[in-house]
Amino acid sequence: MPFDGTDFQLERRRDRPRTGGDAVFCALFLVIALCLMLMPISAAGLVDIVRYLEGS
């Protein structure tokens, strides 16, 4: 007989509390991801720009 979920007790999982560092890291990651998607240059081009700026 297939499982129909009658009297099924799901154990509740404790979620870990969010720290301020996690929120900042997620926001920074989101901003960087959006910038890379919207920029018309590739990742290799971005590396070239960084190397050029480091050299000057």
C-alpha atoms as a PDB file:
ATOM      1  CA  MET A   1       0.000   0.000   0.000  1.00  0.00           C
ATOM      2  CA  PRO A   2       1.442   3.412  -0.883  1.00  0.00           C
ATOM      3  CA  PHE A   3       2.296   5.869   1.854  1.00  0.00           C
ATOM      4  CA  ASP A   4      -0.521   8.388   2.247  1.00  0.00           C
ATOM      5  CA  GLY A   5       0.923  10.428   5.132  1.00  0.00           C
ATOM      6  CA  THR A   6      -1.632   9.390   7.754  1.00  0.00           C
ATOM      7  CA  ASP A   7      -0.343  10.079  11.291  1.00  0.00           C
ATOM      8  CA  PHE A   8       3.032  11.171   9.941  1.00  0.00           C
ATOM      9  CA  GLN A   9       5.010  13.160  12.522  1.00  0.00           C
ATOM     10  CA  LEU A  10       7.737  15.300  11.025  1.00  0.00           C
ATOM     11  CA  GLU A  11      10.571  16.067  13.410  1.00  0.00           C
ATOM     12  CA  ARG A  12      11.191  19.788  13.523  1.00  0.00           C
ATOM     13  CA  ARG A  13      14.719  20.810  12.758  1.00  0.00           C
ATOM     14  CA  ARG A  14      16.390  23.593  14.669  1.00  0.00           C
ATOM     15  CA  ASP A  15      17.500  26.355  12.366  1.00  0.00           C
ATOM     16  CA  ARG A  16      20.781  27.951  13.271  1.00  0.00           C
ATOM     17  CA  PRO A  17      20.508  31.620  14.112  1.00  0.00           C
ATOM     18  CA  ARG A  18      21.699  34.014  11.445  1.00  0.00           C
ATOM     19  CA  THR A  19      24.653  36.123  12.309  1.00  0.00           C
ATOM     20  CA  GLY A  20      25.360  39.583  11.002  1.00  0.00           C
ATOM     21  CA  GLY A  21      28.375  38.308   9.068  1.00  0.00           C
ATOM     22  CA  ASP A  22      26.218  35.886   7.088  1.00  0.00           C
ATOM     23  CA  ALA A  23      23.855  38.641   6.005  1.00  0.00           C
ATOM     24  CA  VAL A  24      26.729  40.909   4.946  1.00  0.00           C
ATOM     25  CA  PHE A  25      28.406  38.095   3.009  1.00  0.00           C
ATOM     26  CA  CYS A  26      25.151  37.201   1.223  1.00  0.00           C
ATOM     27  CA  ALA A  27      24.464  40.831   0.326  1.00  0.00           C
ATOM     28  CA  LEU A  28      28.017  41.322  -0.968  1.00  0.00           C
ATOM     29  CA  PHE A  29      27.834  38.112  -2.997  1.00  0.00           C
ATOM     30  CA  LEU A  30      24.502  39.198  -4.492  1.00  0.00           C
ATOM     31  CA  VAL A  31      25.830  42.637  -5.463  1.00  0.00           C
ATOM     32  CA  ILE A  32      28.944  41.165  -7.083  1.00  0.00           C
ATOM     33  CA  ALA A  33      26.870  38.572  -8.955  1.00  0.00           C
ATOM     34  CA  LEU A  34      24.475  41.221 -10.285  1.00  0.00           C
ATOM     35  CA  CYS A  35      27.335  43.487 -11.337  1.00  0.00           C
ATOM     36  CA  LEU A  36      29.038  40.676 -13.238  1.00  0.00           C
ATOM     37  CA  MET A  37      25.807  39.782 -15.001  1.00  0.00           C
ATOM     38  CA  LEU A  38      25.085  43.364 -16.027  1.00  0.00           C
ATOM     39  CA  MET A  39      28.620  44.298 -17.073  1.00  0.00           C
ATOM     40  CA  PRO A  40      29.296  43.884 -20.780  1.00  0.00           C
ATOM     41  CA  ILE A  41      32.768  42.423 -20.179  1.00  0.00           C
ATOM     42  CA  SER A  42      33.805  38.882 -19.493  1.00  0.00           C
ATOM     43  CA  ALA A  43      35.602  37.588 -16.408  1.00  0.00           C
ATOM     44  CA  ALA A  44      38.857  37.458 -18.385  1.00  0.00           C
ATOM     45  CA  GLY A  45      38.402  41.097 -19.293  1.00  0.00           C
ATOM     46  CA  LEU A  46      37.829  41.928 -15.647  1.00  0.00           C
ATOM     47  CA  VAL A  47      41.102  40.197 -14.740  1.00  0.00           C
ATOM     48  CA  ASP A  48      42.906  42.221 -17.414  1.00  0.00           C
ATOM     49  CA  ILE A  49      41.486  45.457 -15.999  1.00  0.00           C
ATOM     50  CA  VAL A  50      42.577  44.533 -12.477  1.00  0.00           C
ATOM     51  CA  ARG A  51      46.099  43.682 -13.673  1.00  0.00           C
ATOM     52  CA  TYR A  52      46.273  46.972 -15.576  1.00  0.00           C
ATOM     53  CA  LEU A  53      45.194  48.934 -12.503  1.00  0.00           C
ATOM     54  CA  GLU A  54      47.694  47.078 -10.303  1.00  0.00           C
ATOM     55  CA  GLY A  55      50.503  47.913 -12.733  1.00  0.00           C
ATOM     56  CA  SER A  56      49.836  51.661 -12.779  1.00  0.00           C
END
